Amino acid sequence: MTFNEKIAGLLVNHGLWDDEAKVVIRMVKAEQPSMADRWDDDVSGYPDAIVVTLWMSAKRNAIEYLKAYHSNHFALCLLEPKEHEAVAKAEAAPK
């Protein structure tokens, strides 16, 4: 599995659609120029920390992208569960 496939899969597993995952990956690639020639490399040839670092960047970019363009996207609940749990509790509290 390549870095591109791995990060795209994680994004889709966290609720993004394929086209949204592609947008986020483009954002991550722009931030990670040192990875430019490695996105199609097999992840098994690298330390796990590389995938973790890319995932952290992808997750942050996905949250920024979704908040900017799809503020009610269900994926935000998966990407930021604690924030959405607090909002749900506040909305459910008696007024």
Protein backbone atom coordinates (compact mmCIF):
# COMPACT_ATOMS: atom_id res chain seq x y z
CA MET A 1 0.00 0.00 0.00
CA THR A 2 1.35 3.43 -0.92
CA PHE A 3 1.34 6.52 1.27
CA ASN A 4 -1.29 8.01 -1.02
CA GLU A 5 -3.54 4.95 -0.64
CA LYS A 6 -2.98 4.72 3.12
CA ILE A 7 -3.84 8.36 3.87
CA ALA A 8 -6.77 8.36 1.43
CA GLY A 9 -8.10 5.22 3.12
CA LEU A 10 -7.81 6.76 6.57
CA LEU A 11 -9.65 9.88 5.42
CA VAL A 12 -12.46 7.84 3.84
CA ASN A 13 -12.66 5.66 6.97
CA HIS A 14 -13.16 8.88 8.94
CA GLY A 15 -16.13 9.93 6.82
CA LEU A 16 -14.75 11.88 3.88
CA TRP A 17 -15.87 11.06 0.36
CA ASP A 18 -13.19 10.06 -2.16
CA ASP A 19 -13.20 13.47 -3.86
CA GLU A 20 -12.85 15.23 -0.51
CA ALA A 21 -9.97 12.94 0.46
CA LYS A 22 -8.19 13.87 -2.78
CA VAL A 23 -8.54 17.58 -1.97
CA VAL A 24 -7.12 17.04 1.51
CA ILE A 25 -4.23 14.95 0.18
CA ARG A 26 -3.34 17.78 -2.22
CA MET A 27 -3.27 20.11 0.80
CA VAL A 28 -0.98 17.74 2.72
CA LYS A 29 1.32 17.29 -0.28
CA ALA A 30 1.70 21.08 -0.49
CA GLU A 31 2.76 21.13 3.19
CA GLN A 32 5.13 18.18 2.92
CA PRO A 33 7.54 18.91 0.05
CA SER A 34 10.06 16.42 1.46
CA MET A 35 7.55 13.65 0.62
CA ALA A 36 7.07 14.79 -2.99
CA ASP A 37 8.77 11.76 -4.53
CA ARG A 38 7.58 9.27 -1.90
CA TRP A 39 3.77 9.35 -2.06
CA ASP A 40 3.72 6.33 -4.37
CA ASP A 41 6.25 4.38 -2.27
CA ASP A 42 5.14 1.36 -0.27
CA VAL A 43 4.57 2.36 3.36
CA SER A 44 6.05 -0.92 4.59
CA GLY A 45 9.51 0.36 3.67
CA TYR A 46 9.30 3.28 6.10
CA PRO A 47 8.96 3.74 9.86
CA ASP A 48 5.37 3.90 11.16
CA ALA A 49 6.10 7.43 12.37
CA ILE A 50 5.99 8.68 8.77
CA VAL A 51 2.39 7.49 8.35
CA VAL A 52 1.46 8.91 11.76
CA THR A 53 2.94 12.30 10.85
CA LEU A 54 1.13 12.35 7.50
CA TRP A 55 -2.13 11.30 9.19
CA MET A 56 -1.84 14.11 11.74
CA SER A 57 -1.36 16.60 8.89
CA ALA A 58 -4.20 15.06 6.87
CA LYS A 59 -6.57 15.09 9.84
CA ARG A 60 -5.82 18.75 10.61
CA ASN A 61 -6.26 19.70 6.95
CA ALA A 62 -9.47 17.69 6.68
CA ILE A 63 -10.94 19.52 9.68
CA GLU A 64 -9.93 22.91 8.26
CA TYR A 65 -11.31 22.03 4.82
CA LEU A 66 -14.60 20.67 6.14
CA LYS A 67 -15.15 23.60 8.50
CA ALA A 68 -14.51 26.02 5.63
CA TYR A 69 -16.63 24.31 2.96
CA HIS A 70 -18.94 21.78 4.66
CA SER A 71 -19.42 22.97 8.24
CA ASN A 72 -22.14 20.40 9.01
CA HIS A 73 -20.29 17.44 7.48
CA PHE A 74 -20.77 14.25 9.48
CA ALA A 75 -17.04 13.47 9.21
CA LEU A 76 -16.30 16.26 11.68
CA CYS A 77 -17.86 14.12 14.41
CA LEU A 78 -15.36 11.38 13.60
CA LEU A 79 -12.38 13.70 13.24
CA GLU A 80 -13.17 15.78 16.37
CA PRO A 81 -15.30 13.56 18.60
CA LYS A 82 -14.66 15.43 21.86
CA GLU A 83 -15.56 18.80 20.41
CA HIS A 84 -18.79 17.47 18.95
CA GLU A 85 -19.65 15.61 22.14
CA ALA A 86 -19.38 18.89 24.07
CA VAL A 87 -21.58 20.68 21.52
CA ALA A 88 -24.19 17.92 21.68
CA LYS A 89 -24.27 18.09 25.49
CA ALA A 90 -24.62 21.87 25.42
CA GLU A 91 -27.46 21.68 22.90
CA ALA A 92 -29.25 18.99 24.93
CA ALA A 93 -28.97 20.89 28.23
CA PRO A 94 -32.23 22.37 29.51
CA LYS A 95 -32.59 26.05 28.82
